Amino acid sequence: MRQKYIISIDNGKNVLKISEYAIVTNIPKTATALTINSAKYSLLGEEAYDKKDIKQSISRGNRSLIASLRTKNIFPIEPYVSKIAEAVTALFKSANDDSVELLFNDVDLLSIPEPPDKEKEAKS
């Protein structure tokens, strides 16, 4: 599944917002990158956080921040939530940026084992 997280800071409301989207329609295996990138993402969940609470979580460390970011509405898997936490921390440190978009593809999480080396097996 392809997912997208949009993380934004609304300074007027003192809120950090995370929106989770995914492509929920079937993508043919023959689809091109252009087709995939233009596919429609559907909103899966959204969460608003108090900026002050997130700043405190950042100061307590990455584990605290991750615990604060995971809610009943947004609960990303470990590899994703780590990247989201990094992006949130970077947003709070940046004077210029107020939003970031992260793209994930579950296929990237799969590892395919290498075939056994026949020569090494023959020597054993």
C-alpha atoms as a PDB file:
ATOM      1  CA  MET A   1       0.000   0.000   0.000  1.00  0.00           C
ATOM      2  CA  ARG A   2       1.206   3.479  -0.784  1.00  0.00           C
ATOM      3  CA  GLN A   3       0.715   5.992   1.986  1.00  0.00           C
ATOM      4  CA  LYS A   4       1.245   9.696   2.390  1.00  0.00           C
ATOM      5  CA  TYR A   5       1.490  11.718   5.579  1.00  0.00           C
ATOM      6  CA  ILE A   6       1.107  15.467   5.532  1.00  0.00           C
ATOM      7  CA  ILE A   7       2.491  17.118   8.641  1.00  0.00           C
ATOM      8  CA  SER A   8       1.767  20.793   9.147  1.00  0.00           C
ATOM      9  CA  ILE A   9       2.055  23.444  11.828  1.00  0.00           C
ATOM     10  CA  ASP A  10      -0.685  26.025  12.230  1.00  0.00           C
ATOM     11  CA  ASN A  11       0.993  28.738  14.267  1.00  0.00           C
ATOM     12  CA  GLY A  12      -2.214  30.754  14.525  1.00  0.00           C
ATOM     13  CA  LYS A  13      -3.953  27.902  16.340  1.00  0.00           C
ATOM     14  CA  ASN A  14      -0.785  26.512  18.010  1.00  0.00           C
ATOM     15  CA  VAL A  15      -1.522  23.115  16.488  1.00  0.00           C
ATOM     16  CA  LEU A  16       0.502  20.402  14.780  1.00  0.00           C
ATOM     17  CA  LYS A  17      -1.663  18.419  12.374  1.00  0.00           C
ATOM     18  CA  ILE A  18      -0.906  15.036  10.836  1.00  0.00           C
ATOM     19  CA  SER A  19      -3.086  13.697   8.027  1.00  0.00           C
ATOM     20  CA  GLU A  20      -2.706  10.111   6.806  1.00  0.00           C
ATOM     21  CA  TYR A  21      -3.658   9.225   3.242  1.00  0.00           C
ATOM     22  CA  ALA A  22      -3.420   6.031   1.199  1.00  0.00           C
ATOM     23  CA  ILE A  23      -4.136   4.831  -2.304  1.00  0.00           C
ATOM     24  CA  VAL A  24      -6.986   2.417  -1.710  1.00  0.00           C
ATOM     25  CA  THR A  25      -7.709   1.559  -5.322  1.00  0.00           C
ATOM     26  CA  ASN A  26      -5.971  -1.229  -7.201  1.00  0.00           C
ATOM     27  CA  ILE A  27      -2.846  -0.160  -9.084  1.00  0.00           C
ATOM     28  CA  PRO A  28      -1.984  -2.409 -12.040  1.00  0.00           C
ATOM     29  CA  LYS A  29       1.480  -3.967 -11.988  1.00  0.00           C
ATOM     30  CA  THR A  30       2.149  -2.313 -15.358  1.00  0.00           C
ATOM     31  CA  ALA A  31       1.444   1.182 -13.971  1.00  0.00           C
ATOM     32  CA  THR A  32       4.086   3.808 -14.603  1.00  0.00           C
ATOM     33  CA  ALA A  33       5.497   6.127 -11.951  1.00  0.00           C
ATOM     34  CA  LEU A  34       3.456   8.966 -13.427  1.00  0.00           C
ATOM     35  CA  THR A  35       0.252   6.933 -13.136  1.00  0.00           C
ATOM     36  CA  ILE A  36       1.044   5.986  -9.543  1.00  0.00           C
ATOM     37  CA  ASN A  37       1.983   9.529  -8.535  1.00  0.00           C
ATOM     38  CA  SER A  38      -1.236  10.911  -9.957  1.00  0.00           C
ATOM     39  CA  ALA A  39      -3.404   8.264  -8.277  1.00  0.00           C
ATOM     40  CA  LYS A  40      -5.991   9.549  -5.860  1.00  0.00           C
ATOM     41  CA  TYR A  41      -5.106   9.320  -2.196  1.00  0.00           C
ATOM     42  CA  SER A  42      -7.948   8.861   0.281  1.00  0.00           C
ATOM     43  CA  LEU A  43      -7.894  10.372   3.751  1.00  0.00           C
ATOM     44  CA  LEU A  44      -7.582   7.595   6.359  1.00  0.00           C
ATOM     45  CA  GLY A  45      -7.174   9.643   9.508  1.00  0.00           C
ATOM     46  CA  GLU A  46      -6.223  12.977  10.899  1.00  0.00           C
ATOM     47  CA  GLU A  47      -4.995  14.171  14.265  1.00  0.00           C
ATOM     48  CA  ALA A  48      -4.354  17.592  15.781  1.00  0.00           C
ATOM     49  CA  TYR A  49      -1.815  18.017  18.577  1.00  0.00           C
ATOM     50  CA  ASP A  50      -1.132  20.926  20.883  1.00  0.00           C
ATOM     51  CA  LYS A  51       2.220  22.444  19.852  1.00  0.00           C
ATOM     52  CA  LYS A  52       3.282  22.883  23.481  1.00  0.00           C
ATOM     53  CA  ASP A  53       2.733  19.164  24.199  1.00  0.00           C
ATOM     54  CA  ILE A  54       4.725  18.149  21.124  1.00  0.00           C
ATOM     55  CA  LYS A  55       7.603  20.485  22.064  1.00  0.00           C
ATOM     56  CA  GLN A  56       7.712  18.866  25.509  1.00  0.00           C
ATOM     57  CA  SER A  57       7.727  15.393  23.925  1.00  0.00           C
ATOM     58  CA  ILE A  58      10.581  16.401  21.624  1.00  0.00           C
ATOM     59  CA  SER A  59      12.594  17.609  24.628  1.00  0.00           C
ATOM     60  CA  ARG A  60      12.037  14.247  26.407  1.00  0.00           C
ATOM     61  CA  GLY A  61      13.377  12.271  23.450  1.00  0.00           C
ATOM     62  CA  ASN A  62      12.317  10.292  20.415  1.00  0.00           C
ATOM     63  CA  ARG A  63      10.413   7.577  22.324  1.00  0.00           C
ATOM     64  CA  SER A  64       8.304  10.183  24.088  1.00  0.00           C
ATOM     65  CA  LEU A  65       7.585  11.953  20.811  1.00  0.00           C
ATOM     66  CA  ILE A  66       6.561   8.697  19.121  1.00  0.00           C
ATOM     67  CA  ALA A  67       4.253   7.863  22.037  1.00  0.00           C
ATOM     68  CA  SER A  68       2.658  11.306  21.725  1.00  0.00           C
ATOM     69  CA  LEU A  69       2.203  11.016  17.951  1.00  0.00           C
ATOM     70  CA  ARG A  70       0.474   7.626  18.060  1.00  0.00           C
ATOM     71  CA  THR A  71      -3.232   7.927  18.798  1.00  0.00           C
ATOM     72  CA  LYS A  72      -6.397   5.982  18.094  1.00  0.00           C
ATOM     73  CA  ASN A  73      -6.741   7.969  14.845  1.00  0.00           C
ATOM     74  CA  ILE A  74      -3.099   7.795  13.705  1.00  0.00           C
ATOM     75  CA  PHE A  75      -0.957   4.773  14.608  1.00  0.00           C
ATOM     76  CA  PRO A  76       1.829   4.344  12.025  1.00  0.00           C
ATOM     77  CA  ILE A  77       4.010   1.242  12.022  1.00  0.00           C
ATOM     78  CA  GLU A  78       7.513   1.526  13.472  1.00  0.00           C
ATOM     79  CA  PRO A  79       9.552   2.405  10.354  1.00  0.00           C
ATOM     80  CA  TYR A  80       7.032   5.086   9.401  1.00  0.00           C
ATOM     81  CA  VAL A  81       6.532   6.620  12.836  1.00  0.00           C
ATOM     82  CA  SER A  82      10.300   7.024  13.228  1.00  0.00           C
ATOM     83  CA  LYS A  83      10.454   9.013   9.978  1.00  0.00           C
ATOM     84  CA  ILE A  84       7.384  11.020  11.013  1.00  0.00           C
ATOM     85  CA  ALA A  85       9.021  11.836  14.363  1.00  0.00           C
ATOM     86  CA  GLU A  86      12.174  12.989  12.541  1.00  0.00           C
ATOM     87  CA  ALA A  87      10.070  15.211  10.271  1.00  0.00           C
ATOM     88  CA  VAL A  88       8.153  16.689  13.218  1.00  0.00           C
ATOM     89  CA  THR A  89      11.393  17.461  15.040  1.00  0.00           C
ATOM     90  CA  ALA A  90      12.830  19.086  11.908  1.00  0.00           C
ATOM     91  CA  LEU A  91       9.662  21.170  11.442  1.00  0.00           C
ATOM     92  CA  PHE A  92       9.896  22.494  14.987  1.00  0.00           C
ATOM     93  CA  LYS A  93      13.568  23.387  14.468  1.00  0.00           C
ATOM     94  CA  SER A  94      12.958  25.084  11.101  1.00  0.00           C
ATOM     95  CA  ALA A  95      12.153  28.755  10.957  1.00  0.00           C
ATOM     96  CA  ASN A  96      11.012  28.571   7.317  1.00  0.00           C
ATOM     97  CA  ASP A  97       9.015  25.367   6.895  1.00  0.00           C
ATOM     98  CA  ASP A  98       5.485  24.878   8.137  1.00  0.00           C
ATOM     99  CA  SER A  99       4.621  21.586   6.425  1.00  0.00           C
ATOM    100  CA  VAL A 100       6.159  18.419   5.042  1.00  0.00           C
ATOM    101  CA  GLU A 101       4.862  15.507   2.995  1.00  0.00           C
ATOM    102  CA  LEU A 102       6.184  11.974   3.520  1.00  0.00           C
ATOM    103  CA  LEU A 103       5.542   9.176   1.022  1.00  0.00           C
ATOM    104  CA  PHE A 104       5.773   5.489   1.917  1.00  0.00           C
ATOM    105  CA  ASN A 105       5.371   2.260  -0.027  1.00  0.00           C
ATOM    106  CA  ASP A 106       4.907  -0.974   1.927  1.00  0.00           C
ATOM    107  CA  VAL A 107       6.785  -2.856  -0.791  1.00  0.00           C
ATOM    108  CA  ASP A 108       9.949  -1.100   0.396  1.00  0.00           C
ATOM    109  CA  LEU A 109       9.604  -2.953   3.712  1.00  0.00           C
ATOM    110  CA  LEU A 110       9.851  -6.370   2.102  1.00  0.00           C
ATOM    111  CA  SER A 111      13.217  -8.045   1.967  1.00  0.00           C
ATOM    112  CA  ILE A 112      13.856 -10.763  -0.558  1.00  0.00           C
ATOM    113  CA  PRO A 113      16.495 -13.269   0.532  1.00  0.00           C
ATOM    114  CA  GLU A 114      19.391 -13.797  -1.812  1.00  0.00           C
ATOM    115  CA  PRO A 115      19.536 -17.212  -3.478  1.00  0.00           C
ATOM    116  CA  PRO A 116      22.139 -19.550  -1.995  1.00  0.00           C
ATOM    117  CA  ASP A 117      25.562 -19.433  -3.597  1.00  0.00           C
ATOM    118  CA  LYS A 118      25.951 -22.775  -5.397  1.00  0.00           C
ATOM    119  CA  GLU A 119      29.777 -22.551  -5.440  1.00  0.00           C
ATOM    120  CA  LYS A 120      30.010 -22.141  -1.653  1.00  0.00           C
ATOM    121  CA  GLU A 121      27.636 -25.090  -1.143  1.00  0.00           C
ATOM    122  CA  ALA A 122      29.714 -27.305  -3.467  1.00  0.00           C
ATOM    123  CA  LYS A 123      32.948 -26.533  -1.544  1.00  0.00           C
ATOM    124  CA  SER A 124      31.390 -27.413   1.818  1.00  0.00           C
END
